[in-house]
N, C-alpha and C. Protein backbone atom coordinates (compact mmCIF):
# COMPACT_ATOMS: atom_id res chain seq x y z
N UNK A 1 0.83 -1.19 0.00
CA UNK A 1 0.00 0.00 0.00
C UNK A 1 0.88 1.25 0.00
N UNK A 2 0.26 2.35 -0.31
CA UNK A 2 0.98 3.62 -0.35
C UNK A 2 1.60 3.95 1.00
N UNK A 3 0.84 3.75 2.07
CA UNK A 3 1.33 4.08 3.41
C UNK A 3 2.56 3.25 3.77
N UNK A 4 2.52 1.96 3.45
CA UNK A 4 3.66 1.08 3.75
C UNK A 4 4.89 1.54 2.98
N UNK A 5 4.72 1.90 1.71
CA UNK A 5 5.85 2.36 0.91
C UNK A 5 6.40 3.68 1.41
N UNK A 6 5.52 4.57 1.86
CA UNK A 6 5.99 5.85 2.41
C UNK A 6 6.79 5.63 3.70
N UNK A 7 6.29 4.77 4.57
CA UNK A 7 7.00 4.48 5.82
C UNK A 7 8.33 3.78 5.53
N UNK A 8 8.31 2.81 4.62
CA UNK A 8 9.55 2.09 4.28
C UNK A 8 10.59 3.03 3.70
N UNK A 9 10.18 3.95 2.83
CA UNK A 9 11.11 4.92 2.27
C UNK A 9 11.67 5.86 3.32
N UNK A 10 10.81 6.29 4.24
CA UNK A 10 11.25 7.17 5.32
C UNK A 10 12.26 6.48 6.22
N UNK A 11 11.94 5.25 6.61
CA UNK A 11 12.85 4.50 7.49
C UNK A 11 14.16 4.21 6.77
N UNK A 12 14.08 3.79 5.51
CA UNK A 12 15.29 3.50 4.74
C UNK A 12 16.17 4.72 4.58
N UNK A 13 15.56 5.86 4.26
CA UNK A 13 16.33 7.09 4.11
C UNK A 13 16.96 7.54 5.41
N UNK A 14 16.23 7.36 6.50
CA UNK A 14 16.76 7.74 7.82
C UNK A 14 17.95 6.89 8.20
N UNK A 15 17.82 5.58 8.05
CA UNK A 15 18.93 4.67 8.39
C UNK A 15 20.14 4.95 7.51
N UNK A 16 19.91 5.13 6.21
CA UNK A 16 21.03 5.41 5.30
C UNK A 16 21.73 6.71 5.68
N UNK A 17 20.96 7.73 6.03
CA UNK A 17 21.54 9.01 6.41
C UNK A 17 22.36 8.89 7.70
N UNK A 18 21.81 8.19 8.68
CA UNK A 18 22.53 8.02 9.95
C UNK A 18 23.83 7.25 9.77
N UNK A 19 23.83 6.29 8.85
CA UNK A 19 25.03 5.47 8.62
C UNK A 19 26.10 6.19 7.81
N UNK A 20 25.68 7.03 6.86
CA UNK A 20 26.66 7.65 5.97
C UNK A 20 27.09 9.06 6.38
N UNK A 21 26.33 9.71 7.26
CA UNK A 21 26.65 11.08 7.63
C UNK A 21 28.06 11.25 8.22
N UNK A 22 28.52 10.35 9.10
CA UNK A 22 29.88 10.53 9.62
C UNK A 22 30.94 10.58 8.52
N UNK A 23 30.75 9.81 7.43
CA UNK A 23 31.72 9.84 6.34
C UNK A 23 31.68 11.17 5.60
N UNK A 24 30.51 11.78 5.49
CA UNK A 24 30.42 13.11 4.89
C UNK A 24 31.09 14.16 5.76
N UNK A 25 30.94 14.02 7.07
CA UNK A 25 31.62 14.94 8.00
C UNK A 25 33.13 14.81 7.85
N UNK A 26 33.62 13.57 7.78
CA UNK A 26 35.06 13.34 7.62
C UNK A 26 35.54 13.93 6.30
N UNK A 27 34.78 13.73 5.23
CA UNK A 27 35.15 14.27 3.92
C UNK A 27 35.23 15.80 3.97
N UNK A 28 34.20 16.43 4.56
CA UNK A 28 34.19 17.89 4.66
C UNK A 28 35.34 18.38 5.52
N UNK A 29 35.59 17.69 6.62
CA UNK A 29 36.70 18.04 7.51
C UNK A 29 38.02 18.01 6.73
N UNK A 30 38.21 16.95 5.94
CA UNK A 30 39.47 16.80 5.21
C UNK A 30 39.63 17.88 4.14
N UNK A 31 38.52 18.39 3.62
CA UNK A 31 38.59 19.42 2.58
C UNK A 31 38.78 20.82 3.15
N UNK A 32 38.43 21.01 4.41
CA UNK A 32 38.47 22.36 4.96
C UNK A 32 39.56 22.61 5.99
N UNK A 33 40.06 21.57 6.63
CA UNK A 33 41.07 21.76 7.67
C UNK A 33 42.47 21.67 7.06
N UNK A 34 43.34 22.53 7.53
CA UNK A 34 44.72 22.47 7.09
C UNK A 34 45.52 21.64 8.07
N UNK A 35 46.39 20.83 7.55
CA UNK A 35 47.23 19.97 8.38
C UNK A 35 48.70 20.16 8.04
N UNK A 36 49.53 19.93 9.03
CA UNK A 36 50.97 19.96 8.80
C UNK A 36 51.42 18.68 8.12
N UNK A 37 52.70 18.49 8.01
CA UNK A 37 53.26 17.33 7.31
C UNK A 37 52.86 16.02 7.97
N UNK A 38 52.65 16.02 9.29
CA UNK A 38 52.32 14.79 10.00
C UNK A 38 50.83 14.60 10.22
N UNK A 39 49.98 15.38 9.57
CA UNK A 39 48.54 15.32 9.80
C UNK A 39 47.90 14.05 9.25
N UNK A 40 46.75 13.71 9.79
CA UNK A 40 46.02 12.53 9.34
C UNK A 40 45.48 12.77 7.94
N UNK A 41 45.49 11.72 7.12
CA UNK A 41 45.01 11.86 5.75
C UNK A 41 43.97 10.80 5.38
N UNK A 42 44.01 9.63 5.97
CA UNK A 42 43.07 8.57 5.64
C UNK A 42 41.73 8.77 6.33
N UNK A 43 40.71 8.10 5.82
CA UNK A 43 39.36 8.25 6.36
C UNK A 43 39.30 7.92 7.84
N UNK A 44 39.82 6.75 8.22
CA UNK A 44 39.71 6.34 9.61
C UNK A 44 40.64 7.13 10.53
N UNK A 45 41.81 7.51 10.04
CA UNK A 45 42.69 8.34 10.88
C UNK A 45 42.08 9.74 11.06
N UNK A 46 41.44 10.25 10.02
CA UNK A 46 40.75 11.54 10.18
C UNK A 46 39.57 11.41 11.15
N UNK A 47 38.85 10.29 11.06
CA UNK A 47 37.75 10.05 12.00
C UNK A 47 38.23 10.03 13.43
N UNK A 48 39.35 9.35 13.66
CA UNK A 48 39.92 9.31 15.02
C UNK A 48 40.35 10.71 15.47
N UNK A 49 40.92 11.48 14.55
CA UNK A 49 41.34 12.84 14.89
C UNK A 49 40.13 13.71 15.26
N UNK A 50 39.04 13.58 14.51
CA UNK A 50 37.83 14.34 14.80
C UNK A 50 37.28 13.96 16.17
N UNK A 51 37.20 12.65 16.44
CA UNK A 51 36.67 12.19 17.73
C UNK A 51 37.56 12.67 18.87
N UNK A 52 38.86 12.64 18.67
CA UNK A 52 39.79 13.08 19.71
C UNK A 52 39.66 14.58 19.97
N UNK A 53 39.52 15.38 18.90
CA UNK A 53 39.47 16.83 19.06
C UNK A 53 38.09 17.36 19.43
N UNK A 54 37.05 16.78 18.83
CA UNK A 54 35.70 17.35 18.96
C UNK A 54 34.73 16.46 19.73
N UNK A 55 35.04 15.18 19.89
CA UNK A 55 34.12 14.24 20.54
C UNK A 55 33.32 13.46 19.50
N UNK A 56 32.80 12.30 19.89
CA UNK A 56 32.10 11.44 18.93
C UNK A 56 30.82 12.05 18.36
N UNK A 57 30.14 12.88 19.11
CA UNK A 57 28.88 13.48 18.63
C UNK A 57 29.11 14.38 17.42
N UNK A 58 30.33 14.87 17.27
CA UNK A 58 30.65 15.76 16.15
C UNK A 58 30.43 15.07 14.81
N UNK A 59 30.58 13.74 14.77
CA UNK A 59 30.42 13.00 13.51
C UNK A 59 28.98 13.06 12.99
N UNK A 60 28.02 13.36 13.86
CA UNK A 60 26.62 13.46 13.45
C UNK A 60 26.12 14.90 13.48
N UNK A 61 27.04 15.84 13.60
CA UNK A 61 26.67 17.25 13.63
C UNK A 61 26.06 17.64 12.28
N UNK A 62 24.93 18.31 12.32
CA UNK A 62 24.27 18.72 11.10
C UNK A 62 23.39 17.65 10.48
N UNK A 63 23.16 16.56 11.19
CA UNK A 63 22.38 15.47 10.63
C UNK A 63 20.89 15.77 10.59
N UNK A 64 20.38 16.61 11.48
CA UNK A 64 18.93 16.90 11.50
C UNK A 64 18.47 17.57 10.20
N UNK A 65 19.14 18.62 9.72
CA UNK A 65 18.71 19.19 8.44
C UNK A 65 18.79 18.18 7.29
N UNK A 66 19.81 17.35 7.31
CA UNK A 66 19.94 16.33 6.28
C UNK A 66 18.78 15.34 6.35
N UNK A 67 18.41 14.91 7.57
CA UNK A 67 17.28 13.99 7.73
C UNK A 67 15.98 14.63 7.25
N UNK A 68 15.81 15.92 7.51
CA UNK A 68 14.60 16.61 7.08
C UNK A 68 14.48 16.65 5.55
N UNK A 69 15.59 16.54 4.87
CA UNK A 69 15.58 16.50 3.41
C UNK A 69 15.50 15.07 2.89
N UNK A 70 16.35 14.19 3.42
CA UNK A 70 16.50 12.85 2.87
C UNK A 70 15.31 11.94 3.16
N UNK A 71 14.79 11.95 4.36
CA UNK A 71 13.71 11.01 4.72
C UNK A 71 12.47 11.21 3.85
N UNK A 72 11.93 12.43 3.71
CA UNK A 72 10.77 12.59 2.84
C UNK A 72 11.09 12.30 1.37
N UNK A 73 12.30 12.67 0.96
CA UNK A 73 12.70 12.42 -0.42
C UNK A 73 12.70 10.92 -0.73
N UNK A 74 13.28 10.13 0.14
CA UNK A 74 13.31 8.68 -0.06
C UNK A 74 11.90 8.09 -0.01
N UNK A 75 11.06 8.62 0.85
CA UNK A 75 9.67 8.14 0.93
C UNK A 75 8.95 8.39 -0.39
N UNK A 76 9.11 9.57 -0.95
CA UNK A 76 8.44 9.92 -2.20
C UNK A 76 8.99 9.07 -3.35
N UNK A 77 10.29 8.90 -3.41
CA UNK A 77 10.89 8.12 -4.49
C UNK A 77 10.41 6.67 -4.43
N UNK A 78 10.45 6.05 -3.26
CA UNK A 78 10.05 4.65 -3.15
C UNK A 78 8.56 4.48 -3.46
N UNK A 79 7.72 5.34 -2.92
CA UNK A 79 6.29 5.24 -3.16
C UNK A 79 5.96 5.45 -4.64
N UNK A 80 6.64 6.40 -5.27
CA UNK A 80 6.42 6.65 -6.69
C UNK A 80 6.87 5.46 -7.53
N UNK A 81 8.02 4.92 -7.21
CA UNK A 81 8.53 3.75 -7.93
C UNK A 81 7.56 2.58 -7.83
N UNK A 82 7.11 2.28 -6.62
CA UNK A 82 6.20 1.15 -6.42
C UNK A 82 4.87 1.38 -7.13
N UNK A 83 4.38 2.61 -7.13
CA UNK A 83 3.13 2.92 -7.81
C UNK A 83 3.28 2.76 -9.33
N UNK A 84 4.35 3.31 -9.87
CA UNK A 84 4.58 3.22 -11.32
C UNK A 84 4.88 1.80 -11.76
N UNK A 85 5.48 1.01 -10.89
CA UNK A 85 5.76 -0.38 -11.21
C UNK A 85 4.45 -1.14 -11.45
N UNK A 86 3.44 -0.82 -10.68
CA UNK A 86 2.13 -1.48 -10.83
C UNK A 86 1.40 -0.93 -12.05
N UNK A 87 1.44 0.39 -12.22
CA UNK A 87 0.72 1.04 -13.32
C UNK A 87 1.30 0.69 -14.68
N UNK A 88 2.60 0.71 -14.78
CA UNK A 88 3.24 0.42 -16.06
C UNK A 88 3.45 -1.05 -16.16
């Protein structure tokens, strides 16, 4: 049903956003912070540096605005796909 597809899309988008957001934070951090010759460069070493300097919650900083965009978007996409799959 439409309601099930909307809920499934919302939940899927939320879980995906929560899982991938820390990697986006690490990517943004690596693009904006300047490091000396001995600075961290790899994904996991940068993640450790962020947690050490800012705390673990920093990896999910800014996730609420992202969730407000991604969750409804995924719900609409999944519901539309399932509807068109039946119609076409």
